[in-house]
Amino acid sequence: MSKYLSVFILALCIASCQKKEEAKTYDSMQKAEWLLGEWQNNLPQGLLTETWTRENDSTFSARSYFVKTAGDTLHLEAITLAENASGVTYTPTVQGQNGNKPVTFRMTASDAASMTFENPQHDYPSKIVYRKISADSIVAEISGNQQGKPSSERYPMGRRK
């Protein structure tokens, strides 16, 4: 019986010494935490606001809207930024565009202060870039072809305090 007890104790020791499976880390999402918060650009035509929140370790979501000076909301967009085994995707759904269906852009480049997403099959935009200028300043830029011609737009935004 002591032989069986020794084998059992040895097996228990081996099992307890084995490395536990480490929790999945979402490196790209951790690098993108600078995007979290509320960002605004007060333009003569109205107020552009984009608010980013963390849903979980692998997903951020955002609401983006433009309110005219007269008070009408012109543009409403829901965005999901998610990391999974195949990479990072940026998926906006814009009211009144693409049949109100989401369009997915894949991350093609990133570093500590920028993220680039592309979808060559989408006409405009086909590329979306976010750049961190400082802790309280970012620029979002969209580009692609509009009516057969290259076009781009920049949206500098400051953190709302």
C-alpha atoms as a PDB file:
ATOM      1  CA  MET A   1       0.000   0.000   0.000  1.00  0.00           C
ATOM      2  CA  SER A   2       2.849   2.401   0.731  1.00  0.00           C
ATOM      3  CA  LYS A   3       4.085   1.836  -2.852  1.00  0.00           C
ATOM      4  CA  TYR A   4       0.734   3.100  -4.214  1.00  0.00           C
ATOM      5  CA  LEU A   5       0.764   6.014  -1.785  1.00  0.00           C
ATOM      6  CA  SER A   6       4.272   6.995  -2.939  1.00  0.00           C
ATOM      7  CA  VAL A   7       3.217   6.880  -6.605  1.00  0.00           C
ATOM      8  CA  PHE A   8       0.136   8.963  -5.799  1.00  0.00           C
ATOM      9  CA  ILE A   9       2.186  11.592  -3.925  1.00  0.00           C
ATOM     10  CA  LEU A  10       4.759  11.696  -6.732  1.00  0.00           C
ATOM     11  CA  ALA A  11       2.011  12.176  -9.337  1.00  0.00           C
ATOM     12  CA  LEU A  12       0.437  14.904  -7.208  1.00  0.00           C
ATOM     13  CA  CYS A  13       3.777  16.715  -6.903  1.00  0.00           C
ATOM     14  CA  ILE A  14       4.383  16.533 -10.655  1.00  0.00           C
ATOM     15  CA  ALA A  15       0.888  17.842 -11.393  1.00  0.00           C
ATOM     16  CA  SER A  16       1.220  20.746  -8.967  1.00  0.00           C
ATOM     17  CA  CYS A  17       4.635  21.724 -10.324  1.00  0.00           C
ATOM     18  CA  GLN A  18       3.443  21.946 -13.921  1.00  0.00           C
ATOM     19  CA  LYS A  19       2.962  25.440 -15.291  1.00  0.00           C
ATOM     20  CA  LYS A  20      -0.592  26.610 -15.249  1.00  0.00           C
ATOM     21  CA  GLU A  21      -1.940  27.905 -18.548  1.00  0.00           C
ATOM     22  CA  GLU A  22      -1.391  31.635 -18.573  1.00  0.00           C
ATOM     23  CA  ALA A  23      -4.294  33.982 -19.174  1.00  0.00           C
ATOM     24  CA  LYS A  24      -4.503  35.442 -22.698  1.00  0.00           C
ATOM     25  CA  THR A  25      -3.064  38.910 -22.914  1.00  0.00           C
ATOM     26  CA  TYR A  26      -4.356  41.304 -25.523  1.00  0.00           C
ATOM     27  CA  ASP A  27      -1.196  43.246 -26.301  1.00  0.00           C
ATOM     28  CA  SER A  28      -2.678  45.387 -29.065  1.00  0.00           C
ATOM     29  CA  MET A  29      -5.590  46.445 -26.872  1.00  0.00           C
ATOM     30  CA  GLN A  30      -3.230  47.318 -24.033  1.00  0.00           C
ATOM     31  CA  LYS A  31      -1.185  49.475 -26.425  1.00  0.00           C
ATOM     32  CA  ALA A  32      -4.406  51.211 -27.558  1.00  0.00           C
ATOM     33  CA  GLU A  33      -5.559  52.260 -24.075  1.00  0.00           C
ATOM     34  CA  TRP A  34      -4.605  55.868 -24.881  1.00  0.00           C
ATOM     35  CA  LEU A  35      -7.733  55.922 -27.071  1.00  0.00           C
ATOM     36  CA  LEU A  36     -10.095  55.412 -24.107  1.00  0.00           C
ATOM     37  CA  GLY A  37     -12.074  58.463 -23.002  1.00  0.00           C
ATOM     38  CA  GLU A  38     -14.126  61.237 -24.545  1.00  0.00           C
ATOM     39  CA  TRP A  39     -12.651  63.221 -27.430  1.00  0.00           C
ATOM     40  CA  GLN A  40     -14.075  66.382 -28.991  1.00  0.00           C
ATOM     41  CA  ASN A  41     -13.514  68.912 -31.733  1.00  0.00           C
ATOM     42  CA  ASN A  42     -15.540  72.118 -31.531  1.00  0.00           C
ATOM     43  CA  LEU A  43     -15.932  73.258 -35.146  1.00  0.00           C
ATOM     44  CA  PRO A  44     -17.785  76.328 -36.459  1.00  0.00           C
ATOM     45  CA  GLN A  45     -20.442  73.954 -37.883  1.00  0.00           C
ATOM     46  CA  GLY A  46     -20.903  72.050 -34.603  1.00  0.00           C
ATOM     47  CA  LEU A  47     -19.390  69.643 -32.105  1.00  0.00           C
ATOM     48  CA  LEU A  48     -17.733  66.334 -33.048  1.00  0.00           C
ATOM     49  CA  THR A  49     -17.589  63.860 -30.145  1.00  0.00           C
ATOM     50  CA  GLU A  50     -16.103  60.358 -30.015  1.00  0.00           C
ATOM     51  CA  THR A  51     -16.321  58.402 -26.754  1.00  0.00           C
ATOM     52  CA  TRP A  52     -14.299  55.189 -26.275  1.00  0.00           C
ATOM     53  CA  THR A  53     -14.967  52.683 -23.461  1.00  0.00           C
ATOM     54  CA  ARG A  54     -13.536  49.288 -22.530  1.00  0.00           C
ATOM     55  CA  GLU A  55     -16.011  46.426 -22.897  1.00  0.00           C
ATOM     56  CA  ASN A  56     -13.501  43.783 -21.730  1.00  0.00           C
ATOM     57  CA  ASP A  57      -9.813  42.878 -22.178  1.00  0.00           C
ATOM     58  CA  SER A  58     -10.212  42.253 -25.906  1.00  0.00           C
ATOM     59  CA  THR A  59     -12.839  44.817 -26.938  1.00  0.00           C
ATOM     60  CA  PHE A  60     -13.294  48.591 -26.885  1.00  0.00           C
ATOM     61  CA  SER A  61     -16.410  50.314 -28.182  1.00  0.00           C
ATOM     62  CA  ALA A  62     -17.119  53.871 -29.238  1.00  0.00           C
ATOM     63  CA  ARG A  63     -19.956  56.196 -30.131  1.00  0.00           C
ATOM     64  CA  SER A  64     -19.189  59.010 -32.513  1.00  0.00           C
ATOM     65  CA  TYR A  65     -21.556  61.816 -33.391  1.00  0.00           C
ATOM     66  CA  PHE A  66     -21.651  65.306 -34.815  1.00  0.00           C
ATOM     67  CA  VAL A  67     -24.120  67.841 -33.435  1.00  0.00           C
ATOM     68  CA  LYS A  68     -24.772  70.938 -35.549  1.00  0.00           C
ATOM     69  CA  THR A  69     -24.635  74.307 -33.868  1.00  0.00           C
ATOM     70  CA  ALA A  70     -28.450  74.397 -34.261  1.00  0.00           C
ATOM     71  CA  GLY A  71     -28.650  71.211 -32.153  1.00  0.00           C
ATOM     72  CA  ASP A  72     -29.377  68.567 -34.806  1.00  0.00           C
ATOM     73  CA  THR A  73     -27.391  65.310 -34.659  1.00  0.00           C
ATOM     74  CA  LEU A  74     -26.061  64.729 -38.163  1.00  0.00           C
ATOM     75  CA  HIS A  75     -23.842  61.704 -37.971  1.00  0.00           C
ATOM     76  CA  LEU A  76     -24.016  58.782 -35.587  1.00  0.00           C
ATOM     77  CA  GLU A  77     -21.530  55.930 -35.645  1.00  0.00           C
ATOM     78  CA  ALA A  78     -21.021  52.905 -33.401  1.00  0.00           C
ATOM     79  CA  ILE A  79     -17.506  51.418 -33.474  1.00  0.00           C
ATOM     80  CA  THR A  80     -16.071  48.176 -32.150  1.00  0.00           C
ATOM     81  CA  LEU A  81     -12.316  47.692 -31.789  1.00  0.00           C
ATOM     82  CA  ALA A  82     -11.574  44.038 -31.041  1.00  0.00           C
ATOM     83  CA  GLU A  83      -8.574  41.740 -30.810  1.00  0.00           C
ATOM     84  CA  ASN A  84      -8.860  38.008 -31.443  1.00  0.00           C
ATOM     85  CA  ALA A  85      -6.626  35.194 -32.672  1.00  0.00           C
ATOM     86  CA  SER A  86      -6.645  36.530 -36.248  1.00  0.00           C
ATOM     87  CA  GLY A  87      -5.701  40.102 -35.302  1.00  0.00           C
ATOM     88  CA  VAL A  88      -7.335  43.430 -34.507  1.00  0.00           C
ATOM     89  CA  THR A  89     -10.410  44.762 -36.274  1.00  0.00           C
ATOM     90  CA  TYR A  90     -12.055  48.175 -36.338  1.00  0.00           C
ATOM     91  CA  THR A  91     -15.739  47.827 -37.205  1.00  0.00           C
ATOM     92  CA  PRO A  92     -17.883  50.944 -37.595  1.00  0.00           C
ATOM     93  CA  THR A  93     -21.615  50.979 -38.217  1.00  0.00           C
ATOM     94  CA  VAL A  94     -22.768  54.328 -39.586  1.00  0.00           C
ATOM     95  CA  GLN A  95     -26.422  55.322 -39.600  1.00  0.00           C
ATOM     96  CA  GLY A  96     -27.637  55.767 -43.163  1.00  0.00           C
ATOM     97  CA  GLN A  97     -24.579  54.174 -44.804  1.00  0.00           C
ATOM     98  CA  ASN A  98     -23.920  50.632 -46.085  1.00  0.00           C
ATOM     99  CA  GLY A  99     -27.536  49.698 -45.359  1.00  0.00           C
ATOM    100  CA  ASN A 100     -26.800  50.384 -41.654  1.00  0.00           C
ATOM    101  CA  LYS A 101     -24.522  47.320 -41.681  1.00  0.00           C
ATOM    102  CA  PRO A 102     -21.024  47.212 -40.150  1.00  0.00           C
ATOM    103  CA  VAL A 103     -17.875  47.406 -42.284  1.00  0.00           C
ATOM    104  CA  THR A 104     -14.742  45.702 -40.963  1.00  0.00           C
ATOM    105  CA  PHE A 105     -11.242  47.148 -41.282  1.00  0.00           C
ATOM    106  CA  ARG A 106      -8.168  45.096 -40.321  1.00  0.00           C
ATOM    107  CA  MET A 107      -5.245  46.585 -38.413  1.00  0.00           C
ATOM    108  CA  THR A 108      -2.307  46.808 -40.798  1.00  0.00           C
ATOM    109  CA  ALA A 109       0.123  48.775 -38.613  1.00  0.00           C
ATOM    110  CA  SER A 110       0.451  49.959 -35.031  1.00  0.00           C
ATOM    111  CA  ASP A 111       2.910  51.286 -32.518  1.00  0.00           C
ATOM    112  CA  ALA A 112       2.664  52.978 -29.132  1.00  0.00           C
ATOM    113  CA  ALA A 113       1.110  56.125 -30.638  1.00  0.00           C
ATOM    114  CA  SER A 114      -0.786  55.090 -33.776  1.00  0.00           C
ATOM    115  CA  MET A 115      -3.080  52.488 -35.287  1.00  0.00           C
ATOM    116  CA  THR A 116      -3.834  51.972 -38.981  1.00  0.00           C
ATOM    117  CA  PHE A 117      -6.832  50.011 -40.258  1.00  0.00           C
ATOM    118  CA  GLU A 118      -7.566  49.157 -43.882  1.00  0.00           C
ATOM    119  CA  ASN A 119     -10.290  47.638 -46.027  1.00  0.00           C
ATOM    120  CA  PRO A 120      -9.245  47.925 -49.705  1.00  0.00           C
ATOM    121  CA  GLN A 121     -12.671  46.671 -50.870  1.00  0.00           C
ATOM    122  CA  HIS A 122     -14.466  49.633 -49.255  1.00  0.00           C
ATOM    123  CA  ASP A 123     -14.587  52.792 -51.371  1.00  0.00           C
ATOM    124  CA  TYR A 124     -14.539  55.515 -48.740  1.00  0.00           C
ATOM    125  CA  PRO A 125     -12.901  55.357 -46.426  1.00  0.00           C
ATOM    126  CA  SER A 126     -10.613  52.455 -47.202  1.00  0.00           C
ATOM    127  CA  LYS A 127      -8.061  53.505 -44.585  1.00  0.00           C
ATOM    128  CA  ILE A 128      -8.531  54.814 -41.023  1.00  0.00           C
ATOM    129  CA  VAL A 129      -5.636  56.053 -38.886  1.00  0.00           C
ATOM    130  CA  TYR A 130      -5.656  57.164 -35.245  1.00  0.00           C
ATOM    131  CA  ARG A 131      -2.606  59.038 -33.935  1.00  0.00           C
ATOM    132  CA  LYS A 132      -1.861  60.004 -30.364  1.00  0.00           C
ATOM    133  CA  ILE A 133      -0.351  63.485 -30.373  1.00  0.00           C
ATOM    134  CA  SER A 134      -0.242  63.848 -26.581  1.00  0.00           C
ATOM    135  CA  ALA A 135      -2.138  62.478 -23.571  1.00  0.00           C
ATOM    136  CA  ASP A 136      -4.927  64.964 -24.356  1.00  0.00           C
ATOM    137  CA  SER A 137      -4.785  65.177 -28.151  1.00  0.00           C
ATOM    138  CA  ILE A 138      -5.423  62.722 -30.993  1.00  0.00           C
ATOM    139  CA  VAL A 139      -6.007  62.920 -34.731  1.00  0.00           C
ATOM    140  CA  ALA A 140      -8.273  60.572 -36.661  1.00  0.00           C
ATOM    141  CA  GLU A 141      -7.738  60.492 -40.408  1.00  0.00           C
ATOM    142  CA  ILE A 142      -9.807  58.734 -43.039  1.00  0.00           C
ATOM    143  CA  SER A 143      -8.814  58.302 -46.674  1.00  0.00           C
ATOM    144  CA  GLY A 144      -9.803  56.488 -49.833  1.00  0.00           C
ATOM    145  CA  ASN A 145     -11.474  57.210 -53.150  1.00  0.00           C
ATOM    146  CA  GLN A 146     -14.554  59.399 -53.454  1.00  0.00           C
ATOM    147  CA  GLN A 147     -16.137  59.602 -56.901  1.00  0.00           C
ATOM    148  CA  GLY A 148     -12.994  58.045 -58.380  1.00  0.00           C
ATOM    149  CA  LYS A 149     -10.585  60.551 -56.834  1.00  0.00           C
ATOM    150  CA  PRO A 150      -8.252  60.190 -53.827  1.00  0.00           C
ATOM    151  CA  SER A 151      -9.617  62.005 -50.799  1.00  0.00           C
ATOM    152  CA  SER A 152      -8.812  62.335 -47.117  1.00  0.00           C
ATOM    153  CA  GLU A 153     -10.150  64.080 -44.036  1.00  0.00           C
ATOM    154  CA  ARG A 154      -8.450  64.835 -40.698  1.00  0.00           C
ATOM    155  CA  TYR A 155     -10.229  65.150 -37.367  1.00  0.00           C
ATOM    156  CA  PRO A 156      -8.047  66.570 -34.591  1.00  0.00           C
ATOM    157  CA  MET A 157      -9.668  66.019 -31.188  1.00  0.00           C
ATOM    158  CA  GLY A 158      -8.905  66.994 -27.637  1.00  0.00           C
ATOM    159  CA  ARG A 159      -9.700  65.000 -24.516  1.00  0.00           C
ATOM    160  CA  ARG A 160     -12.792  66.275 -22.734  1.00  0.00           C
ATOM    161  CA  LYS A 161     -11.971  67.021 -19.135  1.00  0.00           C
END
